[in-house]
């Protein structure tokens, strides 16, 4: 099973405040544990939303809205893609993420990724008129 662990931003990361001392070393140790366990597929930290943009589509029209975006806690600050045997194992890995922020508070959202077999089942159900 593949999961995305989504690290939410905070006001400091959105303001471009550097992470606390030692965070890079702690994250590197954590990431190395994921690699050693064979669970790591990918990971990256993201720059503040002020460096990004959103493309909105409405009625076939596309518009671009440059960052920064409001509500920092709803924004993604970084992510990991992991492959594990169960949701419980993914939760255990998420609970071990080092504290990346000055405030000591952070949130990680865990989302399972569709496998090709899941998509094939949805396509088949759609063809049969099932929801």
N, C-alpha and C. Protein backbone atom coordinates (compact mmCIF):
# COMPACT_ATOMS: atom_id res chain seq x y z
N UNK A 1 0.85 -1.18 0.00
CA UNK A 1 0.00 0.00 0.00
C UNK A 1 0.89 1.24 0.00
N UNK A 2 0.48 2.19 -0.81
CA UNK A 2 1.22 3.45 -0.85
C UNK A 2 0.41 4.53 -0.13
N UNK A 3 1.12 5.37 0.59
CA UNK A 3 0.51 6.48 1.32
C UNK A 3 1.32 7.74 1.09
N UNK A 4 0.61 8.87 1.13
CA UNK A 4 1.26 10.17 1.15
C UNK A 4 1.09 10.72 2.56
N UNK A 5 2.21 11.09 3.16
CA UNK A 5 2.18 11.79 4.44
C UNK A 5 2.39 13.26 4.11
N UNK A 6 1.39 14.07 4.41
CA UNK A 6 1.39 15.48 4.05
C UNK A 6 1.63 16.32 5.30
N UNK A 7 2.75 17.03 5.32
CA UNK A 7 3.09 17.91 6.43
C UNK A 7 2.49 19.27 6.16
N UNK A 8 1.62 19.73 7.05
CA UNK A 8 0.97 21.03 6.87
C UNK A 8 1.94 22.16 7.22
N UNK A 9 1.78 23.29 6.55
CA UNK A 9 2.59 24.47 6.81
C UNK A 9 2.16 25.13 8.11
N UNK A 10 2.95 26.09 8.54
CA UNK A 10 2.53 26.97 9.64
C UNK A 10 2.91 28.40 9.28
N UNK A 11 2.59 29.34 10.13
CA UNK A 11 2.82 30.76 9.82
C UNK A 11 4.31 31.03 9.59
N UNK A 12 5.19 30.37 10.35
CA UNK A 12 6.63 30.59 10.18
C UNK A 12 7.12 30.11 8.83
N UNK A 13 6.71 28.91 8.42
CA UNK A 13 7.17 28.41 7.12
C UNK A 13 6.64 29.28 6.00
N UNK A 14 5.41 29.75 6.13
CA UNK A 14 4.85 30.63 5.11
C UNK A 14 5.55 31.98 5.07
N UNK A 15 6.11 32.40 6.21
CA UNK A 15 6.84 33.67 6.26
C UNK A 15 8.31 33.50 5.86
N UNK A 16 8.72 32.26 5.58
CA UNK A 16 10.10 32.00 5.19
C UNK A 16 11.07 31.94 6.35
N UNK A 17 10.55 31.78 7.58
CA UNK A 17 11.41 31.66 8.76
C UNK A 17 12.15 30.33 8.68
N UNK A 18 13.47 30.34 8.84
CA UNK A 18 14.22 29.09 8.77
C UNK A 18 13.76 28.10 9.86
N UNK A 19 13.85 26.81 9.58
CA UNK A 19 13.47 25.79 10.57
C UNK A 19 14.36 25.86 11.80
N UNK A 20 13.92 25.27 12.91
CA UNK A 20 14.73 25.26 14.12
C UNK A 20 16.07 24.56 13.90
N UNK A 21 17.05 24.95 14.70
CA UNK A 21 18.37 24.33 14.65
C UNK A 21 18.24 22.83 14.86
N UNK A 22 18.91 22.07 14.08
CA UNK A 22 18.88 20.62 14.24
C UNK A 22 17.78 19.91 13.46
N UNK A 23 16.84 20.67 12.89
CA UNK A 23 15.72 20.04 12.19
C UNK A 23 16.20 19.26 10.98
N UNK A 24 17.14 19.80 10.22
CA UNK A 24 17.60 19.10 9.03
C UNK A 24 18.26 17.77 9.38
N UNK A 25 19.04 17.77 10.47
CA UNK A 25 19.68 16.54 10.90
C UNK A 25 18.64 15.52 11.37
N UNK A 26 17.64 15.97 12.12
CA UNK A 26 16.59 15.07 12.60
C UNK A 26 15.78 14.51 11.43
N UNK A 27 15.45 15.35 10.46
CA UNK A 27 14.70 14.88 9.29
C UNK A 27 15.54 13.91 8.48
N UNK A 28 16.83 14.19 8.36
CA UNK A 28 17.70 13.28 7.61
C UNK A 28 17.76 11.91 8.28
N UNK A 29 17.88 11.88 9.60
CA UNK A 29 17.88 10.60 10.32
C UNK A 29 16.57 9.85 10.09
N UNK A 30 15.46 10.56 10.19
CA UNK A 30 14.14 9.95 9.97
C UNK A 30 14.03 9.40 8.54
N UNK A 31 14.43 10.21 7.57
CA UNK A 31 14.37 9.79 6.17
C UNK A 31 15.26 8.58 5.92
N UNK A 32 16.43 8.55 6.54
CA UNK A 32 17.33 7.40 6.40
C UNK A 32 16.69 6.13 6.98
N UNK A 33 15.94 6.27 8.08
CA UNK A 33 15.22 5.12 8.65
C UNK A 33 14.17 4.60 7.67
N UNK A 34 13.45 5.52 7.03
CA UNK A 34 12.47 5.12 6.01
C UNK A 34 13.14 4.38 4.86
N UNK A 35 14.28 4.90 4.41
CA UNK A 35 15.01 4.27 3.31
C UNK A 35 15.49 2.89 3.72
N UNK A 36 16.09 2.80 4.91
CA UNK A 36 16.62 1.52 5.41
C UNK A 36 15.51 0.47 5.52
N UNK A 37 14.31 0.91 5.89
CA UNK A 37 13.16 0.01 6.04
C UNK A 37 12.55 -0.35 4.68
N UNK A 38 13.00 0.31 3.61
CA UNK A 38 12.46 0.05 2.28
C UNK A 38 11.10 0.68 2.05
N UNK A 39 10.75 1.66 2.88
CA UNK A 39 9.42 2.28 2.81
C UNK A 39 9.41 3.58 2.00
N UNK A 40 10.55 4.25 1.87
CA UNK A 40 10.59 5.56 1.22
C UNK A 40 10.49 5.44 -0.29
N UNK A 41 9.55 6.16 -0.88
CA UNK A 41 9.46 6.28 -2.33
C UNK A 41 9.92 7.67 -2.78
N UNK A 42 9.56 8.71 -2.02
CA UNK A 42 9.96 10.09 -2.34
C UNK A 42 9.65 10.98 -1.15
N UNK A 43 10.32 12.12 -1.09
CA UNK A 43 9.99 13.14 -0.08
C UNK A 43 10.59 14.47 -0.51
N UNK A 44 9.93 15.55 -0.12
CA UNK A 44 10.42 16.89 -0.40
C UNK A 44 9.75 17.88 0.53
N UNK A 45 10.47 18.94 0.84
CA UNK A 45 9.88 20.10 1.51
C UNK A 45 9.50 21.11 0.43
N UNK A 46 8.50 21.92 0.72
CA UNK A 46 8.03 22.90 -0.25
C UNK A 46 8.33 24.32 0.22
N UNK A 47 8.61 25.18 -0.73
CA UNK A 47 8.84 26.60 -0.43
C UNK A 47 7.50 27.23 -0.04
N UNK A 48 7.54 28.42 0.57
CA UNK A 48 6.30 29.11 0.95
C UNK A 48 5.39 29.33 -0.25
N UNK A 49 4.10 29.45 0.01
CA UNK A 49 3.13 29.64 -1.07
C UNK A 49 3.34 30.96 -1.82
N UNK A 50 4.10 31.90 -1.23
CA UNK A 50 4.39 33.15 -1.94
C UNK A 50 5.19 32.90 -3.21
N UNK A 51 5.82 31.75 -3.29
CA UNK A 51 6.59 31.38 -4.48
C UNK A 51 5.78 30.54 -5.45
N UNK A 52 4.49 30.33 -5.13
CA UNK A 52 3.66 29.47 -5.95
C UNK A 52 2.51 30.20 -6.62
N UNK A 53 1.64 29.43 -7.23
CA UNK A 53 0.46 29.96 -7.90
C UNK A 53 -0.62 28.89 -7.88
N UNK A 54 -1.85 29.31 -8.04
CA UNK A 54 -2.99 28.40 -8.19
C UNK A 54 -3.63 28.67 -9.53
N UNK A 55 -3.99 27.62 -10.20
CA UNK A 55 -4.70 27.75 -11.46
C UNK A 55 -6.13 27.32 -11.20
N UNK A 56 -7.05 28.24 -11.36
CA UNK A 56 -8.47 27.97 -11.12
C UNK A 56 -9.17 27.77 -12.46
N UNK A 57 -10.02 26.75 -12.51
CA UNK A 57 -10.78 26.44 -13.72
C UNK A 57 -12.25 26.57 -13.38
N UNK A 58 -12.96 27.37 -14.17
CA UNK A 58 -14.38 27.57 -13.96
C UNK A 58 -15.05 27.74 -15.31
N UNK A 59 -15.93 26.80 -15.64
CA UNK A 59 -16.64 26.89 -16.91
C UNK A 59 -15.72 26.88 -18.11
N UNK A 60 -14.61 26.19 -18.02
CA UNK A 60 -13.68 26.11 -19.13
C UNK A 60 -12.66 27.25 -19.16
N UNK A 61 -12.84 28.27 -18.30
CA UNK A 61 -11.89 29.37 -18.24
C UNK A 61 -10.86 29.08 -17.16
N UNK A 62 -9.65 29.46 -17.45
CA UNK A 62 -8.56 29.27 -16.49
C UNK A 62 -8.01 30.62 -16.06
N UNK A 63 -7.80 30.74 -14.75
CA UNK A 63 -7.19 31.96 -14.24
C UNK A 63 -6.07 31.58 -13.28
N UNK A 64 -5.10 32.44 -13.18
CA UNK A 64 -3.94 32.19 -12.33
C UNK A 64 -3.98 33.17 -11.16
N UNK A 65 -3.82 32.63 -9.97
CA UNK A 65 -3.74 33.44 -8.76
C UNK A 65 -2.38 33.19 -8.14
N UNK A 66 -1.56 34.23 -8.05
CA UNK A 66 -0.24 34.10 -7.44
C UNK A 66 -0.36 34.06 -5.93
N UNK A 67 0.56 33.32 -5.28
CA UNK A 67 0.62 33.28 -3.83
C UNK A 67 1.12 34.61 -3.30
N UNK A 68 1.11 34.82 -2.01
CA UNK A 68 0.84 33.82 -0.97
C UNK A 68 -0.65 33.57 -0.79
N UNK A 69 -0.94 32.43 -0.20
CA UNK A 69 -2.31 32.03 0.07
C UNK A 69 -2.59 32.12 1.56
N UNK A 70 -3.85 32.33 1.92
CA UNK A 70 -4.22 32.46 3.32
C UNK A 70 -4.35 31.09 3.97
N UNK A 71 -4.52 31.10 5.27
CA UNK A 71 -4.73 29.90 6.09
C UNK A 71 -3.56 28.91 5.95
N UNK A 72 -2.44 29.28 6.56
CA UNK A 72 -1.21 28.49 6.46
C UNK A 72 -1.40 27.03 6.86
N UNK A 73 -2.23 26.76 7.86
CA UNK A 73 -2.38 25.38 8.33
C UNK A 73 -3.10 24.48 7.33
N UNK A 74 -3.66 25.05 6.28
CA UNK A 74 -4.32 24.26 5.25
C UNK A 74 -3.39 24.02 4.05
N UNK A 75 -2.21 24.59 4.09
CA UNK A 75 -1.26 24.46 2.99
C UNK A 75 -0.28 23.33 3.25
N UNK A 76 0.25 22.77 2.19
CA UNK A 76 1.22 21.68 2.30
C UNK A 76 2.61 22.29 2.42
N UNK A 77 3.35 21.84 3.44
CA UNK A 77 4.72 22.31 3.65
C UNK A 77 5.75 21.30 3.17
N UNK A 78 5.33 20.05 3.07
CA UNK A 78 6.22 19.00 2.61
C UNK A 78 5.46 17.69 2.55
N UNK A 79 6.11 16.66 2.02
CA UNK A 79 5.42 15.39 1.90
C UNK A 79 6.41 14.23 1.83
N UNK A 80 5.91 13.06 2.11
CA UNK A 80 6.62 11.81 1.90
C UNK A 80 5.68 10.88 1.15
N UNK A 81 6.21 10.11 0.22
CA UNK A 81 5.48 9.00 -0.37
C UNK A 81 6.13 7.74 0.17
N UNK A 82 5.32 6.91 0.82
CA UNK A 82 5.86 5.70 1.42
C UNK A 82 5.08 4.48 0.94
N UNK A 83 5.73 3.34 1.00
CA UNK A 83 5.07 2.07 0.67
C UNK A 83 5.23 1.17 1.88
N UNK A 84 4.08 0.77 2.44
CA UNK A 84 4.05 -0.03 3.65
C UNK A 84 2.99 -1.13 3.49
N UNK A 85 2.90 -1.99 4.49
CA UNK A 85 1.98 -3.12 4.38
C UNK A 85 0.56 -2.81 4.86
N UNK A 86 0.39 -1.69 5.60
CA UNK A 86 -0.94 -1.41 6.15
C UNK A 86 -1.07 0.06 6.53
N UNK A 87 -2.31 0.49 6.74
CA UNK A 87 -2.56 1.84 7.23
C UNK A 87 -1.96 2.02 8.61
N UNK A 88 -2.03 0.98 9.43
CA UNK A 88 -1.47 1.06 10.79
C UNK A 88 0.04 1.33 10.74
N UNK A 89 0.74 0.68 9.81
CA UNK A 89 2.17 0.92 9.68
C UNK A 89 2.44 2.34 9.21
N UNK A 90 1.63 2.84 8.28
CA UNK A 90 1.77 4.22 7.81
C UNK A 90 1.56 5.20 8.96
N UNK A 91 0.58 4.93 9.80
CA UNK A 91 0.33 5.79 10.96
C UNK A 91 1.53 5.80 11.89
N UNK A 92 2.13 4.63 12.11
CA UNK A 92 3.31 4.56 12.98
C UNK A 92 4.46 5.39 12.42
N UNK A 93 4.68 5.33 11.12
CA UNK A 93 5.73 6.17 10.51
C UNK A 93 5.38 7.65 10.67
N UNK A 94 4.12 8.03 10.44
CA UNK A 94 3.71 9.43 10.55
C UNK A 94 3.90 9.95 11.98
N UNK A 95 3.65 9.10 12.96
CA UNK A 95 3.80 9.51 14.36
C UNK A 95 5.26 9.76 14.74
N UNK A 96 6.19 9.26 13.93
CA UNK A 96 7.62 9.40 14.22
C UNK A 96 8.28 10.60 13.53
N UNK A 97 7.53 11.34 12.71
CA UNK A 97 8.11 12.49 12.02
C UNK A 97 8.65 13.48 13.05
N UNK A 98 9.91 13.91 12.90
CA UNK A 98 10.46 14.90 13.85
C UNK A 98 9.72 16.22 13.77
N UNK A 99 9.70 16.95 14.88
CA UNK A 99 9.03 18.25 14.94
C UNK A 99 9.78 19.25 14.07
N UNK A 100 9.14 19.72 13.00
CA UNK A 100 9.84 20.64 12.09
C UNK A 100 9.66 22.12 12.41
N UNK A 101 8.80 22.47 13.36
CA UNK A 101 8.43 23.87 13.52
C UNK A 101 8.78 24.43 14.89
N UNK A 102 9.00 25.75 14.93
CA UNK A 102 9.33 26.46 16.16
C UNK A 102 8.22 26.33 17.22
N UNK A 103 6.98 26.34 16.78
CA UNK A 103 5.85 26.35 17.71
C UNK A 103 5.69 25.03 18.46
N UNK A 104 6.27 23.98 17.92
CA UNK A 104 6.10 22.66 18.53
C UNK A 104 4.81 21.98 18.13
N UNK A 105 3.99 22.66 17.34
CA UNK A 105 2.72 22.08 16.88
C UNK A 105 2.79 21.89 15.38
N UNK A 106 2.37 20.71 14.96
CA UNK A 106 2.30 20.44 13.53
C UNK A 106 1.29 19.34 13.27
N UNK A 107 0.89 19.24 12.01
CA UNK A 107 -0.11 18.25 11.63
C UNK A 107 0.37 17.51 10.39
N UNK A 108 0.16 16.21 10.41
CA UNK A 108 0.46 15.39 9.25
C UNK A 108 -0.82 14.71 8.82
N UNK A 109 -1.17 14.90 7.57
CA UNK A 109 -2.34 14.24 7.00
C UNK A 109 -1.84 13.00 6.27
N UNK A 110 -2.51 11.89 6.47
CA UNK A 110 -2.13 10.62 5.86
C UNK A 110 -3.20 10.23 4.86
N UNK A 111 -2.81 10.01 3.60
CA UNK A 111 -3.76 9.66 2.55
C UNK A 111 -3.24 8.47 1.75
N UNK A 112 -4.09 7.46 1.60
CA UNK A 112 -3.72 6.31 0.79
C UNK A 112 -3.80 6.69 -0.69
N UNK A 113 -2.87 6.18 -1.47
CA UNK A 113 -2.80 6.46 -2.90
C UNK A 113 -3.49 5.32 -3.65
N UNK A 114 -4.27 5.67 -4.66
CA UNK A 114 -4.91 4.66 -5.50
C UNK A 114 -3.84 3.81 -6.18
N UNK A 115 -4.03 2.52 -6.17
CA UNK A 115 -3.21 1.60 -6.95
C UNK A 115 -3.89 1.41 -8.30
N UNK A 116 -3.15 0.97 -9.31
CA UNK A 116 -3.78 0.74 -10.62
C UNK A 116 -5.00 -0.19 -10.54
N UNK A 117 -4.96 -1.19 -9.67
CA UNK A 117 -6.11 -2.09 -9.54
C UNK A 117 -7.35 -1.35 -9.03
N UNK A 118 -7.15 -0.39 -8.13
CA UNK A 118 -8.27 0.40 -7.62
C UNK A 118 -8.92 1.20 -8.74
N UNK A 119 -8.08 1.80 -9.59
CA UNK A 119 -8.58 2.60 -10.71
C UNK A 119 -9.32 1.70 -11.69
N UNK A 120 -8.76 0.52 -11.97
CA UNK A 120 -9.42 -0.41 -12.90
C UNK A 120 -10.80 -0.80 -12.38
N UNK A 121 -10.93 -1.02 -11.07
CA UNK A 121 -12.23 -1.35 -10.48
C UNK A 121 -13.21 -0.20 -10.64
N UNK A 122 -12.75 1.04 -10.44
CA UNK A 122 -13.64 2.20 -10.59
C UNK A 122 -14.09 2.35 -12.03
N UNK A 123 -13.18 2.14 -12.97
CA UNK A 123 -13.54 2.24 -14.39
C UNK A 123 -14.57 1.18 -14.73
N UNK A 124 -14.34 -0.05 -14.27
CA UNK A 124 -15.28 -1.14 -14.54
C UNK A 124 -16.66 -0.84 -13.94
N UNK A 125 -16.67 -0.35 -12.70
CA UNK A 125 -17.94 -0.01 -12.06
C UNK A 125 -18.65 1.10 -12.82
N UNK A 126 -17.89 2.07 -13.32
CA UNK A 126 -18.47 3.17 -14.09
C UNK A 126 -19.09 2.64 -15.39
N UNK A 127 -18.41 1.72 -16.04
CA UNK A 127 -18.93 1.15 -17.28
C UNK A 127 -20.22 0.37 -17.04
N UNK A 128 -20.35 -0.18 -15.83
CA UNK A 128 -21.53 -0.96 -15.49
C UNK A 128 -22.62 -0.09 -14.89
N UNK A 129 -22.37 1.21 -14.79
CA UNK A 129 -23.37 2.14 -14.26
C UNK A 129 -23.47 2.15 -12.75
N UNK A 130 -22.48 1.61 -12.07
CA UNK A 130 -22.47 1.60 -10.60
C UNK A 130 -21.71 2.82 -10.09
N UNK A 131 -22.07 3.24 -8.90
CA UNK A 131 -21.37 4.37 -8.30
C UNK A 131 -20.52 3.90 -7.16
